[in-house]
Amino acid sequence: MQIGNDAPSTLSAVLPGQTGTASVDTASAPAATGTAKNPDATAKKDTKGQPGDSLQLSPDAQRQVDKLKARDQEVRAHEAAHMAAGGGLVRGGASYSYQQGPDGKRYAVGGEVSIDSSPVRGNPRATEMKAQQIEASALAPADPSGQDRKVAAQAAQMVAQAAAELAKSATQGSGSAKTTGTQIDLMA
């Protein structure tokens, strides 16, 4: 991702303990085992003796489901923090990569949020403010990923460049306006 171009950047939710990246193409990722044909899952009858939709999972399979549920909540909270801090810079919602659990349900295991990181042309002050919001969005989750920190560093660089442009403009502006002891009315 490059800060400062017209393409949206991506804030990634690769959280500690996970391998790979959040931009995994889930269509090519292998699905986790654990469908109704899973030997760890069996059909369960409800209290009325009629077949129900729920599955009875082995203790190992239930631990895996519990782990996936926790990861799903963590990923969704992480991406929600990016979106809340990113506000109007967020392009669309979060996108997630999923893993199917032994119970046959899909759980979010990674995610990303696209955010507009292009500078505001001809307006370094607006670019500086936008870059500060990008940085805040990148660091909004309680535990930012390595990609999140990279985006924050690039946004901080964008802030510095915009501030340098502002300082240069101020220096050039004050150097070209010579005062000769007369009063200038800046009001229109």
Protein backbone atom coordinates (compact mmCIF):
# COMPACT_ATOMS: atom_id res chain seq x y z
CA MET A 1 0.00 0.00 0.00
CA GLN A 2 1.24 3.45 -0.80
CA ILE A 3 -0.04 6.45 1.04
CA GLY A 4 -0.54 9.44 -1.20
CA ASN A 5 -1.87 7.83 -4.33
CA ASP A 6 -5.42 7.81 -5.60
CA ALA A 7 -5.98 4.16 -4.74
CA PRO A 8 -7.53 3.28 -1.41
CA SER A 9 -5.19 1.69 1.08
CA THR A 10 -6.04 -1.31 3.14
CA LEU A 11 -5.99 -1.59 6.89
CA SER A 12 -5.43 -5.20 7.65
CA ALA A 13 -6.59 -7.22 10.60
CA VAL A 14 -3.83 -9.73 10.88
CA LEU A 15 -3.85 -10.11 14.62
CA PRO A 16 -1.17 -11.62 16.85
CA GLY A 17 -1.02 -15.39 16.70
CA GLN A 18 -2.25 -15.54 13.09
CA THR A 19 -0.15 -16.42 10.09
CA GLY A 20 -0.61 -15.13 6.59
CA THR A 21 -2.33 -11.96 5.58
CA ALA A 22 -5.87 -10.71 5.81
CA SER A 23 -6.12 -10.32 2.07
CA VAL A 24 -6.30 -14.07 1.49
CA ASP A 25 -8.52 -15.03 -1.41
CA THR A 26 -11.05 -17.10 0.48
CA ALA A 27 -12.19 -18.77 -2.74
CA SER A 28 -8.82 -20.50 -3.00
CA ALA A 29 -8.32 -21.10 0.72
CA PRO A 30 -9.08 -24.62 1.85
CA ALA A 31 -12.17 -24.92 3.98
CA ALA A 32 -11.71 -26.27 7.46
CA THR A 33 -13.04 -29.71 8.12
CA GLY A 34 -16.09 -29.95 10.26
CA THR A 35 -19.30 -30.37 8.34
CA ALA A 36 -22.25 -32.53 9.29
CA LYS A 37 -20.24 -35.48 7.89
CA ASN A 38 -17.52 -34.81 10.45
CA PRO A 39 -17.07 -37.81 12.75
CA ASP A 40 -16.80 -35.36 15.67
CA ALA A 41 -20.32 -34.07 15.00
CA THR A 42 -23.49 -36.10 15.24
CA ALA A 43 -27.15 -35.20 14.81
CA LYS A 44 -28.89 -34.54 18.09
CA LYS A 45 -32.55 -34.98 18.89
CA ASP A 46 -34.40 -32.28 20.72
CA THR A 47 -36.36 -32.91 23.92
CA LYS A 48 -39.49 -33.87 21.99
CA GLY A 49 -37.70 -36.74 20.30
CA GLN A 50 -37.77 -35.16 16.82
CA PRO A 51 -34.57 -34.62 14.89
CA GLY A 52 -33.22 -31.13 15.46
CA ASP A 53 -30.84 -28.92 13.53
CA SER A 54 -28.20 -28.81 16.23
CA LEU A 55 -25.07 -30.93 16.30
CA GLN A 56 -23.49 -32.72 19.21
CA LEU A 57 -19.76 -31.96 18.98
CA SER A 58 -16.88 -33.82 20.52
CA PRO A 59 -14.98 -31.90 23.22
CA ASP A 60 -12.13 -31.19 20.77
CA ALA A 61 -14.52 -29.94 18.11
CA GLN A 62 -16.35 -27.78 20.66
CA ARG A 63 -13.02 -26.23 21.76
CA GLN A 64 -12.26 -25.45 18.12
CA VAL A 65 -15.69 -23.83 17.68
CA ASP A 66 -15.20 -21.79 20.85
CA LYS A 67 -11.78 -20.65 19.58
CA LEU A 68 -13.25 -19.69 16.20
CA LYS A 69 -16.10 -17.77 17.87
CA ALA A 70 -13.62 -15.80 19.97
CA ARG A 71 -11.46 -15.07 16.91
CA ASP A 72 -14.54 -13.98 14.95
CA GLN A 73 -15.49 -11.48 17.67
CA GLU A 74 -11.90 -10.20 17.89
CA VAL A 75 -11.62 -9.70 14.12
CA ARG A 76 -14.99 -7.95 13.87
CA ALA A 77 -14.18 -5.62 16.79
CA HIS A 78 -10.78 -4.86 15.24
CA GLU A 79 -12.31 -3.89 11.89
CA ALA A 80 -15.12 -1.93 13.58
CA ALA A 81 -12.47 0.17 15.37
CA HIS A 82 -10.83 0.98 12.02
CA MET A 83 -14.18 1.94 10.49
CA ALA A 84 -15.25 4.11 13.42
CA ALA A 85 -12.00 6.08 13.46
CA GLY A 86 -11.78 6.24 9.66
CA GLY A 87 -15.22 7.82 9.29
CA GLY A 88 -15.80 9.24 5.83
CA LEU A 89 -12.44 8.00 4.56
CA VAL A 90 -13.59 4.38 4.74
CA ARG A 91 -14.52 2.98 1.33
CA GLY A 92 -17.25 0.38 1.79
CA GLY A 93 -17.42 -1.88 4.79
CA ALA A 94 -14.99 -4.39 6.14
CA SER A 95 -14.26 -7.52 4.15
CA TYR A 96 -13.50 -10.75 5.91
CA SER A 97 -11.82 -14.06 5.25
CA TYR A 98 -13.61 -17.03 6.79
CA GLN A 99 -12.95 -20.49 8.11
CA GLN A 100 -15.62 -23.13 8.44
CA GLY A 101 -15.86 -24.69 11.88
CA PRO A 102 -16.74 -28.27 12.84
CA ASP A 103 -20.31 -27.07 13.37
CA GLY A 104 -20.57 -26.14 9.68
CA LYS A 105 -20.69 -22.37 10.39
CA ARG A 106 -18.28 -19.84 8.93
CA TYR A 107 -16.21 -17.67 11.26
CA ALA A 108 -14.23 -14.54 10.39
CA VAL A 109 -10.53 -15.20 10.92
CA GLY A 110 -9.13 -12.14 9.12
CA GLY A 111 -10.35 -8.87 7.75
CA GLU A 112 -9.50 -5.58 6.13
CA VAL A 113 -10.90 -2.11 5.66
CA SER A 114 -10.17 0.04 2.60
CA ILE A 115 -9.54 3.68 3.28
CA ASP A 116 -8.94 6.62 0.95
CA SER A 117 -5.32 7.71 1.39
CA SER A 118 -4.97 10.13 -1.50
CA PRO A 119 -3.74 13.64 -0.69
CA VAL A 120 -6.09 16.57 -1.09
CA ARG A 121 -4.67 18.26 -4.18
CA GLY A 122 -3.61 21.83 -3.69
CA ASN A 123 -4.54 21.85 0.00
CA PRO A 124 -1.72 20.74 2.32
CA ARG A 125 -3.73 21.67 5.45
CA ALA A 126 -6.58 19.34 4.40
CA THR A 127 -4.03 16.66 3.45
CA GLU A 128 -2.43 16.96 6.88
CA MET A 129 -5.79 16.57 8.63
CA LYS A 130 -6.74 13.62 6.41
CA ALA A 131 -3.41 11.90 7.10
CA GLN A 132 -3.92 12.37 10.84
CA GLN A 133 -7.30 10.64 10.54
CA ILE A 134 -5.73 7.80 8.53
CA GLU A 135 -3.12 7.35 11.25
CA ALA A 136 -5.78 7.38 13.98
CA SER A 137 -7.82 4.81 12.06
CA ALA A 138 -4.81 2.54 11.59
CA LEU A 139 -4.01 2.62 15.30
CA ALA A 140 -7.62 2.52 16.54
CA PRO A 141 -7.81 -1.20 17.45
CA ALA A 142 -6.57 -2.19 20.89
CA ASP A 143 -3.89 -4.39 19.29
CA PRO A 144 -2.87 -2.98 15.87
CA SER A 145 -1.33 -5.48 13.46
CA GLY A 146 1.99 -5.04 11.71
CA GLN A 147 0.15 -3.85 8.59
CA ASP A 148 -1.83 -1.38 10.71
CA ARG A 149 1.43 0.03 12.10
CA LYS A 150 2.88 0.27 8.59
CA VAL A 151 -0.16 2.27 7.40
CA ALA A 152 0.14 4.51 10.48
CA ALA A 153 3.83 5.16 9.74
CA GLN A 154 3.04 6.04 6.13
CA ALA A 155 0.27 8.37 7.29
CA ALA A 156 2.67 10.03 9.73
CA GLN A 157 5.06 10.58 6.82
CA MET A 158 2.18 12.10 4.85
CA VAL A 159 1.48 14.44 7.80
CA ALA A 160 5.12 15.51 7.86
CA GLN A 161 5.16 16.18 4.12
CA ALA A 162 1.99 18.25 4.33
CA ALA A 163 3.39 20.20 7.29
CA ALA A 164 6.58 20.89 5.31
CA GLU A 165 4.49 22.17 2.40
CA LEU A 166 2.57 24.43 4.77
CA ALA A 167 5.78 25.78 6.29
CA LYS A 168 7.25 26.37 2.83
CA SER A 169 4.12 28.22 1.75
CA ALA A 170 4.16 30.34 4.89
CA THR A 171 7.84 31.21 4.38
CA GLN A 172 7.31 32.08 0.73
CA GLY A 173 4.20 34.04 1.57
CA SER A 174 5.86 36.11 4.28
CA GLY A 175 8.99 36.66 2.20
CA SER A 176 7.07 38.08 -0.74
CA ALA A 177 4.95 40.48 1.28
CA LYS A 178 7.23 43.35 2.24
CA THR A 179 6.07 45.75 4.86
CA THR A 180 6.98 49.40 4.43
CA GLY A 181 5.23 50.73 7.45
CA THR A 182 1.85 51.03 5.80
CA GLN A 183 -1.24 49.28 6.99
CA ILE A 184 -2.86 46.75 4.67
CA ASP A 185 -6.54 45.94 5.00
CA LEU A 186 -7.00 42.21 4.54
CA MET A 187 -10.74 42.38 4.95
CA ALA A 188 -12.84 42.28 1.82
